[in-house]
C-alpha cells in the first residue's frame, strides 16, 4: 500500500457528496436579508426563500414523498419553480420539469414513464394537465399554483400551493444526498421522432455545471439575473442553482415579451440573461427608443443553433455583450463556450461576430470534447473544413436515459457521449457546428451545411428569420429549401431576389432551389422546429 493511502482513508470529515443544495443553505446564512426574488409586486429575501423551500420539502415529506420519487412540475418562470429546484432534492426526490407547450398526450407519457407521484401545475396549463392525468391509471397528487401575475384561469385541483406550503415546518431538517451520484432531476428530450427520452441528472453534475456557468462568465457576487430562458429547459441550464450560489437576484418573467425584457433590464438593473437566438433577434428588431433603455453593462449567454454573425453584431451594438455556448439536454445544458481572447477586441465588429458564433472550447467542468469520425472515433484534423461529430466525456454528462439501457449504451459507445452534432475543428481548437447530423443536406453527393446557408440569408436586409432544410429531389437527391419570415414592410421581396442574393455569397450548389415565405414554427424555447419544415418541404 502506498504511503499516501496508509491511515488516510476517505471519511465524512474530508469527503462530502457534491450537491447544489449547499448553495441555498450558505447564501441564506450569509446574506439572509439580500434580495432573492423579484416577480411583479413580489419581493423576497434569501432568508424568506430558504424558509419556503424547507416548508415545501416538509410538506412533501408529510405526503409520503421521499427518496427517488418523481415530482413533476408544469410551471412558467415564477418563484415556485425556483423553490421546487431546492425543496424536491432536499428530500432525495427527483424534479421533473415539463415543457409547458406540450400537448396532453406527451405530458401524460412523461408522467407515466417518470412515475410521477406529484404534479405541480400553474393555472394557465389547467386543461392540458387535467386531460393528461385522466389518461393515467394512477394519477399523481396535483398541486395548484395561482400566480398573481397570471390572475386568471380555474384551479387545477383543490390543493393550493400556498396552503400546501403552510402544512410544512419552516425548521425542517432536510437531508444531504447519500451519494452525489443520486438522481436530482429528470428532463425529457424533445422527442421529434418517437417518444421522448428521459435524461437523468445527478447531484454531482448539477453542482459542477452550476460552478462551470459562473466560472466561464466570471459572474462575481450578487448578479441580477433575468429569466428569459425557460426554467423547464435543462433545469434552466442549471442557473436556478448558479444564481443562488452567488446570492444573486432571480428576476422572473412568465413569458418573453421584448418590451418587458427591456423594461426589466432598466428597472431592475439586470446584469445577466440567457436565451435562444430568437430572443436576441426580437430585441434587435425593437424601435431605437425602446433599445435606449439599456444604459448599463448587460451580458447575454446565447445557446442553441449558432446565432448568425449579423445578429450577434447587432446585439453587441445595443450594448449587450454576447457569450455563445453550446450543449445538450444530456450534458446539463451548456458545456462549451466561445472563450474570448483580448487580441480579438480590436477586430472589426463583423469579424468578432463570426468568431463569437463558434461553439468554442469546453467548460472547465467538462473533461473532454473532440470532433471525430462517428464510425472510427478518430479525431478529425483541425483544418476548419473536415466535418466530424462532436463527442464529449466528463462529470457533467448524464447518468443515462431512464428505463432505456439500449439508448444509453448507444449514446456512450466507445467511451464518449455521441452528440449527433456535426462540426469542424479550427486550428486553435475551437469547435464550430455545421449542422445536426439529421439536418445536413446531401445534394448530388455534396454536403451542404444549413447553418452556412442560413448565415447568408440573415445578411439579407429584408430577412427577419430563416431556416433551411432538405427538400427531396429526383435528380439531386436533396436540394436546399429556405423558409423565410420577412421584416415588416418587406413583403415585396421575391423568391428570386433571395436566390440571387445567395448566388453572390454561396457556391451554386448551396443556393436554395426553393424559397417559401412564412412564419416559422418554434418550440417553447424559441428553437425553430426543423422537423415540421422538413415535412412541409416534402409536401411542396
Protein backbone atom coordinates (compact mmCIF):
# COMPACT_ATOMS: atom_id res chain seq x y z
CA UNK A 1 0.00 0.00 0.00
CA UNK A 2 1.24 3.49 -0.87
CA UNK A 3 2.31 5.77 1.96
CA UNK A 4 -0.39 8.14 0.72
CA UNK A 5 -3.06 5.52 1.40
CA UNK A 6 -1.93 4.46 4.90
CA UNK A 7 -4.22 5.94 7.53
CA UNK A 8 -5.59 8.40 5.01
CA UNK A 9 -8.94 6.81 4.20
CA UNK A 10 -11.84 8.81 2.84
CA UNK A 11 -14.25 9.75 5.65
CA UNK A 12 -17.20 12.08 6.41
CA UNK A 13 -14.83 14.80 7.59
CA UNK A 14 -12.98 15.15 4.28
CA UNK A 15 -15.38 13.76 1.71
CA UNK A 16 -18.92 15.09 1.30
CA UNK A 17 -21.22 14.46 -1.65
CA UNK A 18 -21.29 17.43 -4.03
CA UNK A 19 -24.78 18.91 -4.27
CA UNK A 20 -26.24 22.30 -5.24
CA UNK A 21 -28.34 22.08 -2.07
CA UNK A 22 -25.32 23.54 -0.27
CA UNK A 23 -25.75 26.78 -2.21
CA UNK A 24 -29.05 27.92 -0.69
CA UNK A 25 -28.06 26.97 2.86
CA UNK A 26 -24.88 29.05 2.59
CA UNK A 27 -26.50 32.03 0.85
CA UNK A 28 -29.39 32.21 3.32
CA UNK A 29 -26.95 32.05 6.25
CA UNK A 30 -24.58 34.74 4.96
CA UNK A 31 -26.96 37.07 3.08
CA UNK A 32 -30.35 36.49 4.75
CA UNK A 33 -31.69 39.98 4.04
CA UNK A 34 -30.38 40.30 0.48
CA UNK A 35 -32.98 40.24 -2.31
CA UNK A 36 -33.56 36.81 -3.84
CA UNK A 37 -36.81 37.02 -5.81
CA UNK A 38 -38.45 39.70 -7.95
CA UNK A 39 -41.78 38.81 -9.55
CA UNK A 40 -44.22 41.61 -10.25
CA UNK A 41 -45.05 43.06 -6.83
CA UNK A 42 -43.48 40.07 -5.02
CA UNK A 43 -40.13 40.73 -3.36
CA UNK A 44 -38.49 38.12 -1.14
CA UNK A 45 -35.16 37.83 0.64
CA UNK A 46 -32.89 34.80 0.78
CA UNK A 47 -34.00 34.01 4.34
CA UNK A 48 -37.63 34.01 3.23
CA UNK A 49 -36.91 31.91 0.15
CA UNK A 50 -34.92 29.31 2.12
CA UNK A 51 -37.75 29.05 4.66
CA UNK A 52 -40.29 28.49 1.90
CA UNK A 53 -38.10 25.74 0.40
CA UNK A 54 -37.85 23.98 3.76
CA UNK A 55 -41.61 24.22 4.33
CA UNK A 56 -42.25 22.80 0.87
CA UNK A 57 -39.81 19.93 1.45
CA UNK A 58 -41.50 19.20 4.79
CA UNK A 59 -45.00 19.28 3.27
CA UNK A 60 -43.94 16.82 0.55
CA UNK A 61 -42.47 14.52 3.19
CA UNK A 62 -45.76 14.65 5.13
CA UNK A 63 -47.49 13.37 1.99
CA UNK A 64 -45.17 10.37 1.79
CA UNK A 65 -42.81 11.72 -0.88
CA UNK A 66 -39.18 10.69 -0.42
CA UNK A 67 -36.02 9.39 -1.98
CA UNK A 68 -36.17 8.70 -5.74
CA UNK A 69 -39.83 9.73 -6.01
CA UNK A 70 -40.55 11.92 -9.04
CA UNK A 71 -42.14 15.35 -8.57
CA UNK A 72 -43.29 16.70 -11.94
CA UNK A 73 -43.59 20.45 -12.46
CA UNK A 74 -45.56 22.32 -15.13
CA UNK A 75 -44.80 25.98 -14.46
CA UNK A 76 -43.62 29.10 -16.29
CA UNK A 77 -40.74 31.18 -14.93
CA UNK A 78 -42.15 32.02 -11.48
CA UNK A 79 -40.75 31.87 -7.91
CA UNK A 80 -42.38 28.49 -7.21
CA UNK A 81 -40.14 26.98 -9.89
CA UNK A 82 -37.05 28.14 -8.01
CA UNK A 83 -38.38 26.76 -4.72
CA UNK A 84 -39.04 23.35 -6.23
CA UNK A 85 -35.46 23.13 -7.55
CA UNK A 86 -34.31 23.05 -3.92
CA UNK A 87 -37.25 21.58 -1.98
CA UNK A 88 -37.58 18.44 -4.10
CA UNK A 89 -33.92 17.29 -3.86
CA UNK A 90 -33.91 18.26 -0.15
CA UNK A 91 -35.90 15.07 0.49
CA UNK A 92 -33.99 12.94 -2.01
CA UNK A 93 -36.76 13.20 -4.60
CA UNK A 94 -36.24 13.97 -8.30
CA UNK A 95 -37.61 17.10 -10.01
CA UNK A 96 -39.07 16.62 -13.50
CA UNK A 97 -39.70 20.00 -15.18
CA UNK A 98 -42.16 19.58 -18.05
CA UNK A 99 -42.25 21.58 -21.26
CA UNK A 100 -45.34 23.76 -20.81
CA UNK A 101 -46.00 23.90 -24.56
CA UNK A 102 -46.56 20.16 -24.97
CA UNK A 103 -49.95 18.56 -25.55
CA UNK A 104 -51.79 16.36 -23.07
CA UNK A 105 -50.70 13.12 -24.73
CA UNK A 106 -47.00 14.00 -24.44
CA UNK A 107 -47.39 15.19 -20.83
CA UNK A 108 -49.28 12.00 -19.97
CA UNK A 109 -46.47 9.87 -21.42
CA UNK A 110 -43.86 11.70 -19.33
CA UNK A 111 -45.90 11.44 -16.12
CA UNK A 112 -46.38 7.73 -16.68
CA UNK A 113 -42.83 6.99 -17.80
CA UNK A 114 -41.28 9.02 -14.97
CA UNK A 115 -43.74 7.53 -12.43
CA UNK A 116 -44.60 11.00 -11.06
CA UNK A 117 -46.07 10.96 -7.54
CA UNK A 118 -46.80 14.70 -7.55
CA UNK A 119 -47.63 17.23 -10.28
CA UNK A 120 -47.33 20.95 -9.54
CA UNK A 121 -49.25 23.00 -12.14
CA UNK A 122 -49.82 26.66 -12.94
CA UNK A 123 -53.44 27.53 -13.76
CA UNK A 124 -52.51 28.53 -17.29
CA UNK A 125 -51.96 24.85 -18.08
CA UNK A 126 -55.02 23.52 -16.24
CA UNK A 127 -56.81 21.91 -19.19
CA UNK A 128 -53.72 20.13 -20.55
CA UNK A 129 -52.69 18.87 -17.12
CA UNK A 130 -56.12 17.59 -16.19
CA UNK A 131 -56.55 15.87 -19.57
CA UNK A 132 -53.11 14.27 -19.23
CA UNK A 133 -53.87 12.97 -15.75
CA UNK A 134 -57.19 11.46 -16.86
CA UNK A 135 -55.18 9.24 -19.21
CA UNK A 136 -53.28 7.72 -16.29
CA UNK A 137 -54.21 4.63 -14.32
CA UNK A 138 -52.50 6.08 -11.23
CA UNK A 139 -52.67 9.91 -11.46
CA UNK A 140 -50.32 11.93 -9.24
CA UNK A 141 -51.23 14.28 -6.42
CA UNK A 142 -51.95 17.61 -8.16
CA UNK A 143 -50.98 20.93 -6.56
CA UNK A 144 -52.50 24.13 -7.98
CA UNK A 145 -50.34 27.26 -8.38
CA UNK A 146 -52.25 30.54 -8.54
CA UNK A 147 -49.68 33.08 -9.75
CA UNK A 148 -50.91 36.68 -9.19
CA UNK A 149 -49.07 37.75 -12.36
CA UNK A 150 -51.40 35.44 -14.32
CA UNK A 151 -54.50 36.27 -12.31
CA UNK A 152 -56.96 34.16 -14.25
CA UNK A 153 -57.87 30.57 -15.03
CA UNK A 154 -59.54 27.95 -12.88
CA UNK A 155 -57.90 25.87 -10.14
CA UNK A 156 -56.17 22.72 -11.37
CA UNK A 157 -57.05 20.95 -8.11
CA UNK A 158 -58.43 21.60 -4.64
CA UNK A 159 -54.90 21.63 -3.18
CA UNK A 160 -53.49 25.17 -3.36
CA UNK A 161 -49.69 25.61 -3.38
CA UNK A 162 -49.66 28.23 -0.61
CA UNK A 163 -51.99 26.14 1.55
CA UNK A 164 -49.76 23.14 0.93
CA UNK A 165 -46.72 25.18 1.93
CA UNK A 166 -48.46 26.08 5.20
CA UNK A 167 -48.52 22.38 6.10
CA UNK A 168 -44.70 22.37 6.25
CA UNK A 169 -42.19 23.02 9.01
CA UNK A 170 -40.04 26.16 8.48
CA UNK A 171 -37.25 24.49 10.51
CA UNK A 172 -37.43 21.21 8.58
CA UNK A 173 -34.15 19.29 8.78
CA UNK A 174 -33.63 18.32 5.15
CA UNK A 175 -31.24 15.57 4.13
CA UNK A 176 -27.99 15.73 2.16
CA UNK A 177 -27.83 13.12 -0.64
CA UNK A 178 -26.33 9.80 0.45
CA UNK A 179 -24.26 9.77 -2.73
CA UNK A 180 -23.51 12.53 -5.25
CA UNK A 181 -24.43 10.02 -7.99
CA UNK A 182 -28.00 10.13 -6.66
CA UNK A 183 -30.53 11.48 -9.19
CA UNK A 184 -31.56 15.11 -8.80
CA UNK A 185 -33.51 15.83 -11.99
CA UNK A 186 -35.28 14.18 -14.91
CA UNK A 187 -35.51 16.04 -18.22
CA UNK A 188 -37.21 14.76 -21.35
CA UNK A 189 -35.73 15.33 -24.80
CA UNK A 190 -37.87 16.96 -27.48
CA UNK A 191 -38.99 13.63 -28.92
CA UNK A 192 -39.32 14.81 -32.52
CA UNK A 193 -39.16 11.18 -33.63
CA UNK A 194 -40.88 8.60 -31.43
CA UNK A 195 -41.31 9.02 -27.69
CA UNK A 196 -39.00 11.45 -25.86
CA UNK A 197 -36.15 10.03 -23.78
CA UNK A 198 -35.82 10.75 -20.08
CA UNK A 199 -32.39 12.22 -19.28
CA UNK A 200 -31.30 11.66 -15.67
CA UNK A 201 -29.05 14.20 -13.88
CA UNK A 202 -27.12 13.54 -10.65
CA UNK A 203 -26.23 15.92 -7.80
CA UNK A 204 -22.54 15.95 -8.76
CA UNK A 205 -23.22 17.05 -12.33
CA UNK A 206 -25.73 19.71 -11.26
CA UNK A 207 -23.20 21.11 -8.78
CA UNK A 208 -20.38 21.15 -11.30
CA UNK A 209 -22.32 22.67 -14.19
CA UNK A 210 -23.60 25.37 -11.83
CA UNK A 211 -19.99 26.15 -10.98
CA UNK A 212 -18.99 25.99 -14.64
CA UNK A 213 -21.59 28.64 -15.51
CA UNK A 214 -20.16 31.18 -13.07
CA UNK A 215 -16.54 30.35 -13.93
CA UNK A 216 -16.96 30.85 -17.65
CA UNK A 217 -18.91 34.08 -17.20
CA UNK A 218 -16.82 35.43 -14.26
CA UNK A 219 -20.12 36.47 -12.70
CA UNK A 220 -18.99 37.61 -9.24
CA UNK A 221 -21.32 38.02 -6.26
CA UNK A 222 -24.90 39.26 -6.40
CA UNK A 223 -25.69 39.18 -10.14
CA UNK A 224 -29.18 40.30 -11.17
CA UNK A 225 -30.42 37.55 -13.47
CA UNK A 226 -33.43 37.89 -15.77
CA UNK A 227 -35.29 34.65 -16.51
CA UNK A 228 -35.70 34.92 -20.29
CA UNK A 229 -34.65 31.25 -20.55
CA UNK A 230 -37.43 28.72 -19.77
CA UNK A 231 -36.69 27.14 -16.41
CA UNK A 232 -38.02 23.81 -17.66
CA UNK A 233 -35.27 23.64 -20.27
CA UNK A 234 -32.33 21.62 -18.84
CA UNK A 235 -33.36 22.94 -15.38
CA UNK A 236 -32.84 26.44 -16.72
CA UNK A 237 -29.33 25.29 -17.78
CA UNK A 238 -28.62 24.89 -14.03
CA UNK A 239 -28.96 28.66 -13.39
CA UNK A 240 -31.50 28.25 -10.54
CA UNK A 241 -28.55 26.77 -8.66
CA UNK A 242 -25.87 29.07 -10.15
CA UNK A 243 -27.56 32.37 -9.24
CA UNK A 244 -28.43 31.07 -5.77
CA UNK A 245 -24.78 30.11 -5.16
CA UNK A 246 -23.79 33.72 -5.87
CA UNK A 247 -26.55 35.24 -3.69
CA UNK A 248 -27.94 36.86 -6.80
CA UNK A 249 -31.42 38.12 -7.64
CA UNK A 250 -33.82 35.97 -9.67
CA UNK A 251 -35.97 38.33 -11.78
CA UNK A 252 -38.87 36.26 -13.11
CA UNK A 253 -40.71 36.60 -16.39
CA UNK A 254 -43.75 34.43 -17.20
CA UNK A 255 -43.30 34.81 -20.93
CA UNK A 256 -40.82 36.64 -23.11
CA UNK A 257 -42.06 39.98 -24.33
CA UNK A 258 -39.32 42.18 -25.86
CA UNK A 259 -40.67 45.41 -24.36
CA UNK A 260 -41.00 43.87 -20.91
CA UNK A 261 -37.48 42.44 -21.17
CA UNK A 262 -36.11 45.92 -21.89
CA UNK A 263 -38.20 47.43 -19.08
CA UNK A 264 -36.93 44.90 -16.54
CA UNK A 265 -33.32 45.35 -17.67
CA UNK A 266 -33.69 49.06 -16.91
CA UNK A 267 -35.88 48.93 -13.78
CA UNK A 268 -34.15 46.03 -12.00
CA UNK A 269 -30.64 46.81 -13.30
CA UNK A 270 -30.34 43.32 -14.79
CA UNK A 271 -26.74 42.21 -15.31
CA UNK A 272 -27.16 38.77 -16.90
CA UNK A 273 -29.64 36.84 -19.02
CA UNK A 274 -29.71 33.67 -21.13
CA UNK A 275 -31.77 32.85 -24.19
CA UNK A 276 -32.10 31.21 -27.56
CA UNK A 277 -31.00 33.39 -30.52
CA UNK A 278 -34.63 34.23 -31.31
CA UNK A 279 -34.92 36.34 -28.14
CA UNK A 280 -31.92 38.46 -29.06
CA UNK A 281 -33.31 38.80 -32.58
CA UNK A 282 -36.55 40.16 -31.09
CA UNK A 283 -34.63 42.76 -29.07
CA UNK A 284 -32.66 43.83 -32.14
CA UNK A 285 -35.90 44.46 -34.02
CA UNK A 286 -37.34 46.75 -31.33
CA UNK A 287 -37.55 50.50 -32.06
CA UNK A 288 -34.46 52.54 -31.29
CA UNK A 289 -36.17 54.44 -28.47
CA UNK A 290 -37.04 51.15 -26.73
CA UNK A 291 -33.50 49.83 -27.05
CA UNK A 292 -32.19 53.03 -25.47
CA UNK A 293 -33.32 51.57 -22.11
CA UNK A 294 -30.05 49.64 -21.94
CA UNK A 295 -27.72 52.11 -20.26
CA UNK A 296 -25.58 49.77 -18.15
CA UNK A 297 -23.48 46.67 -18.98
CA UNK A 298 -25.58 43.59 -19.70
CA UNK A 299 -24.27 40.14 -20.52
CA UNK A 300 -26.26 37.64 -22.56
CA UNK A 301 -25.45 33.97 -22.89
CA UNK A 302 -26.97 32.52 -26.03
CA UNK A 303 -27.29 28.86 -26.92
CA UNK A 304 -28.98 26.72 -29.49
CA UNK A 305 -28.22 27.00 -33.19
CA UNK A 306 -25.28 29.27 -33.91
CA UNK A 307 -26.62 32.84 -33.99
CA UNK A 308 -25.97 34.48 -37.35
CA UNK A 309 -22.99 36.81 -37.15
CA UNK A 310 -25.25 39.69 -38.14
CA UNK A 311 -27.49 39.10 -35.11
CA UNK A 312 -24.54 38.96 -32.70
CA UNK A 313 -23.14 42.17 -34.16
CA UNK A 314 -26.48 43.98 -33.85
CA UNK A 315 -26.95 42.85 -30.24
CA UNK A 316 -23.48 43.99 -29.23
CA UNK A 317 -24.12 47.33 -30.91
CA UNK A 318 -27.05 47.69 -28.46
CA UNK A 319 -24.66 47.33 -25.53
CA UNK A 320 -25.31 43.67 -24.73
CA UNK A 321 -22.16 41.56 -24.58
CA UNK A 322 -22.83 38.13 -26.08
CA UNK A 323 -21.26 34.85 -24.97
CA UNK A 324 -22.09 31.91 -27.18
CA UNK A 325 -22.38 28.49 -25.54
CA UNK A 326 -23.31 25.04 -26.73
CA UNK A 327 -24.65 21.95 -25.05
CA UNK A 328 -27.45 19.42 -24.96
CA UNK A 329 -30.02 18.14 -22.51
CA UNK A 330 -27.76 15.12 -21.94
CA UNK A 331 -24.94 17.31 -20.58
CA UNK A 332 -26.91 19.60 -18.22
CA UNK A 333 -27.17 22.35 -20.84
CA UNK A 334 -24.10 24.42 -21.82
CA UNK A 335 -20.68 22.75 -21.65
CA UNK A 336 -18.68 24.60 -24.31
CA UNK A 337 -18.28 28.31 -24.93
CA UNK A 338 -16.52 30.69 -27.25
CA UNK A 339 -13.85 31.70 -24.73
CA UNK A 340 -12.75 35.22 -25.65
CA UNK A 341 -9.20 36.41 -26.33
CA UNK A 342 -8.26 40.04 -25.68
CA UNK A 343 -6.46 40.32 -29.01
CA UNK A 344 -9.82 39.85 -30.73
CA UNK A 345 -11.19 43.07 -29.21
CA UNK A 346 -9.65 45.22 -31.94
CA UNK A 347 -11.16 43.26 -34.81
CA UNK A 348 -13.98 44.81 -36.85
CA UNK A 349 -17.43 44.06 -35.43
CA UNK A 350 -18.26 41.67 -38.26
CA UNK A 351 -15.11 39.60 -37.70
CA UNK A 352 -15.72 39.50 -33.95
CA UNK A 353 -19.27 38.31 -34.57
CA UNK A 354 -18.04 35.50 -36.83
CA UNK A 355 -15.71 34.27 -34.07
CA UNK A 356 -18.43 34.58 -31.42
CA UNK A 357 -20.74 32.36 -33.46
CA UNK A 358 -18.38 29.43 -32.85
CA UNK A 359 -19.24 26.92 -30.16
CA UNK A 360 -15.66 27.17 -28.91
CA UNK A 361 -13.95 25.11 -26.24
CA UNK A 362 -15.01 23.03 -23.25
CA UNK A 363 -16.12 24.36 -19.87
CA UNK A 364 -13.51 23.87 -17.11
CA UNK A 365 -16.02 21.40 -15.63
CA UNK A 366 -16.13 19.12 -18.68
CA UNK A 367 -13.19 16.77 -19.12
CA UNK A 368 -13.20 16.13 -22.86
CA UNK A 369 -14.53 17.40 -26.20
CA UNK A 370 -13.46 16.22 -29.63
CA UNK A 371 -14.59 16.31 -33.23
CA UNK A 372 -14.16 12.85 -34.73
CA UNK A 373 -15.25 10.36 -37.34
CA UNK A 374 -18.53 8.91 -35.99
CA UNK A 375 -17.63 5.37 -37.10
CA UNK A 376 -13.98 5.11 -36.03
CA UNK A 377 -13.83 7.85 -33.32
CA UNK A 378 -10.60 9.04 -34.95
CA UNK A 379 -10.24 12.81 -34.34
CA UNK A 380 -10.63 14.98 -37.43
CA UNK A 381 -7.82 17.33 -38.49
CA UNK A 382 -8.03 20.88 -37.10
CA UNK A 383 -8.34 22.44 -40.52
CA UNK A 384 -11.69 24.22 -40.19
CA UNK A 385 -13.04 22.14 -43.08
CA UNK A 386 -13.22 18.43 -42.24
CA UNK A 387 -16.64 17.66 -40.78
CA UNK A 388 -16.99 15.18 -37.92
CA UNK A 389 -19.31 14.54 -35.00
CA UNK A 390 -18.87 16.24 -31.61
CA UNK A 391 -18.11 13.83 -28.76
CA UNK A 392 -17.92 14.58 -25.03
CA UNK A 393 -16.97 12.94 -21.77
CA UNK A 394 -16.83 14.13 -18.18
CA UNK A 395 -18.65 14.67 -14.91
CA UNK A 396 -21.41 16.75 -16.48
CA UNK A 397 -22.62 14.01 -18.80
CA UNK A 398 -25.96 12.49 -17.76
CA UNK A 399 -26.34 9.24 -15.80
CA UNK A 400 -28.19 7.91 -18.85
CA UNK A 401 -31.69 7.55 -20.26
CA UNK A 402 -34.39 6.44 -17.81
CA UNK A 403 -35.55 2.85 -18.41
CA UNK A 404 -33.73 2.77 -21.75
CA UNK A 405 -30.45 0.82 -21.47
CA UNK A 406 -30.21 0.34 -25.23
CA UNK A 407 -30.29 4.08 -25.96
CA UNK A 408 -27.87 4.72 -23.09
CA UNK A 409 -25.41 2.14 -24.46
CA UNK A 410 -25.61 3.62 -27.95
CA UNK A 411 -25.09 7.16 -26.64
CA UNK A 412 -21.97 6.11 -24.67
CA UNK A 413 -20.49 3.65 -27.16
CA UNK A 414 -16.71 3.84 -27.46
CA UNK A 415 -16.30 5.69 -24.18
CA UNK A 416 -17.67 9.01 -25.44
CA UNK A 417 -21.10 10.67 -25.47
CA UNK A 418 -22.31 10.90 -29.09
CA UNK A 419 -23.99 14.30 -29.59
CA UNK A 420 -25.23 13.83 -33.16
CA UNK A 421 -23.97 17.34 -33.97
CA UNK A 422 -21.63 17.81 -36.93
CA UNK A 423 -18.78 20.30 -36.67
CA UNK A 424 -15.30 21.29 -37.76
CA UNK A 425 -12.25 21.93 -35.61
CA UNK A 426 -10.28 25.12 -36.18
CA UNK A 427 -6.51 25.31 -35.81
CA UNK A 428 -6.89 26.97 -32.38
CA UNK A 429 -9.00 24.05 -31.16
CA UNK A 430 -12.29 25.95 -31.31
CA UNK A 431 -15.28 23.89 -32.45
CA UNK A 432 -17.78 25.24 -34.96
CA UNK A 433 -21.02 23.39 -35.55
CA UNK A 434 -22.03 22.89 -39.15
CA UNK A 435 -25.29 21.03 -38.57
CA UNK A 436 -27.17 18.33 -36.80
CA UNK A 437 -26.43 15.01 -38.46
CA UNK A 438 -30.12 14.82 -39.39
CA UNK A 439 -30.08 18.36 -40.84
CA UNK A 440 -27.11 18.15 -43.21
CA UNK A 441 -28.23 18.30 -46.86
CA UNK A 442 -26.59 15.91 -49.31
CA UNK A 443 -27.15 17.24 -52.81
CA UNK A 444 -25.58 15.42 -55.72
CA UNK A 445 -23.05 13.90 -53.33
CA UNK A 446 -22.08 17.29 -51.86
CA UNK A 447 -22.63 18.07 -48.17
CA UNK A 448 -24.41 21.37 -47.56
CA UNK A 449 -24.45 22.98 -44.11
CA UNK A 450 -27.86 24.50 -43.47
CA UNK A 451 -26.24 26.79 -40.89
CA UNK A 452 -23.94 28.23 -43.54
CA UNK A 453 -26.85 28.94 -45.89
CA UNK A 454 -28.91 30.44 -43.06
CA UNK A 455 -26.00 32.70 -42.14
CA UNK A 456 -26.05 34.15 -45.65
CA UNK A 457 -29.83 34.58 -45.61
CA UNK A 458 -29.66 36.57 -42.35
CA UNK A 459 -27.39 39.07 -44.09
CA UNK A 460 -30.22 39.99 -46.47
CA UNK A 461 -31.70 43.24 -45.10
CA UNK A 462 -35.29 42.03 -45.60
CA UNK A 463 -34.93 38.74 -43.71
CA UNK A 464 -36.24 38.58 -40.14
CA UNK A 465 -35.89 34.80 -39.62
CA UNK A 466 -34.66 31.96 -41.82
CA UNK A 467 -34.39 28.20 -41.70
CA UNK A 468 -33.08 25.83 -44.37
CA UNK A 469 -33.98 22.15 -44.72
CA UNK A 470 -33.62 19.44 -47.32
CA UNK A 471 -36.29 19.07 -49.99
CA UNK A 472 -36.38 15.70 -51.79
CA UNK A 473 -35.31 15.97 -55.44
CA UNK A 474 -35.47 13.22 -58.06
CA UNK A 475 -32.27 14.37 -59.75
CA UNK A 476 -30.06 15.67 -56.93
CA UNK A 477 -31.43 13.56 -54.09
CA UNK A 478 -31.94 16.67 -51.97
CA UNK A 479 -31.81 20.41 -52.54
CA UNK A 480 -31.85 23.31 -50.06
CA UNK A 481 -35.30 24.72 -49.28
CA UNK A 482 -35.40 28.04 -47.42
CA UNK A 483 -38.31 29.08 -45.20
CA UNK A 484 -38.18 32.82 -44.52
CA UNK A 485 -40.09 35.30 -42.37
CA UNK A 486 -39.71 38.82 -43.78
CA UNK A 487 -39.39 42.03 -41.78
CA UNK A 488 -42.39 44.35 -41.71
CA UNK A 489 -42.66 46.40 -44.86
CA UNK A 490 -40.54 43.97 -46.89
CA UNK A 491 -43.39 41.88 -48.30
CA UNK A 492 -42.46 42.91 -51.85
CA UNK A 493 -39.26 40.81 -51.76
CA UNK A 494 -39.43 37.86 -54.16
CA UNK A 495 -38.01 34.35 -54.00
CA UNK A 496 -35.81 35.14 -57.00
CA UNK A 497 -34.36 38.16 -55.20
CA UNK A 498 -33.42 35.94 -52.27
CA UNK A 499 -31.84 33.32 -54.53
CA UNK A 500 -29.95 35.99 -56.47
CA UNK A 501 -28.55 37.36 -53.21
CA UNK A 502 -27.42 33.86 -52.20
CA UNK A 503 -25.65 33.32 -55.53
CA UNK A 504 -23.42 36.28 -54.70
CA UNK A 505 -22.24 34.63 -51.46
CA UNK A 506 -22.50 30.86 -51.93
CA UNK A 507 -21.34 28.15 -54.28
CA UNK A 508 -24.07 27.42 -56.82
CA UNK A 509 -24.98 24.00 -55.37
CA UNK A 510 -25.60 25.57 -51.94
CA UNK A 511 -28.10 28.17 -53.18
CA UNK A 512 -31.71 27.38 -52.12
CA UNK A 513 -33.65 25.98 -55.04
CA UNK A 514 -36.92 26.72 -53.22
CA UNK A 515 -37.88 29.76 -51.12
CA UNK A 516 -41.06 29.83 -49.03
CA UNK A 517 -42.21 32.96 -47.19
CA UNK A 518 -43.99 32.04 -43.96
CA UNK A 519 -43.99 32.30 -40.17
CA UNK A 520 -41.55 29.76 -38.74
CA UNK A 521 -42.80 27.13 -36.26
CA UNK A 522 -40.89 27.21 -32.95
CA UNK A 523 -40.55 25.24 -29.75
CA UNK A 524 -41.27 26.87 -26.40
CA UNK A 525 -37.55 27.62 -26.05
CA UNK A 526 -37.51 29.57 -29.31
CA UNK A 527 -35.82 26.92 -31.43
CA UNK A 528 -37.13 26.62 -34.97
CA UNK A 529 -38.85 23.26 -35.47
CA UNK A 530 -37.00 21.95 -38.47
CA UNK A 531 -38.79 18.62 -38.39
CA UNK A 532 -42.02 20.48 -39.17
CA UNK A 533 -40.33 22.35 -42.01
CA UNK A 534 -38.87 19.11 -43.40
CA UNK A 535 -42.39 17.70 -43.62
CA UNK A 536 -43.58 20.92 -45.27
CA UNK A 537 -40.74 20.73 -47.79
CA UNK A 538 -41.63 17.13 -48.65
CA UNK A 539 -45.23 18.17 -49.24
CA UNK A 540 -44.38 21.03 -51.64
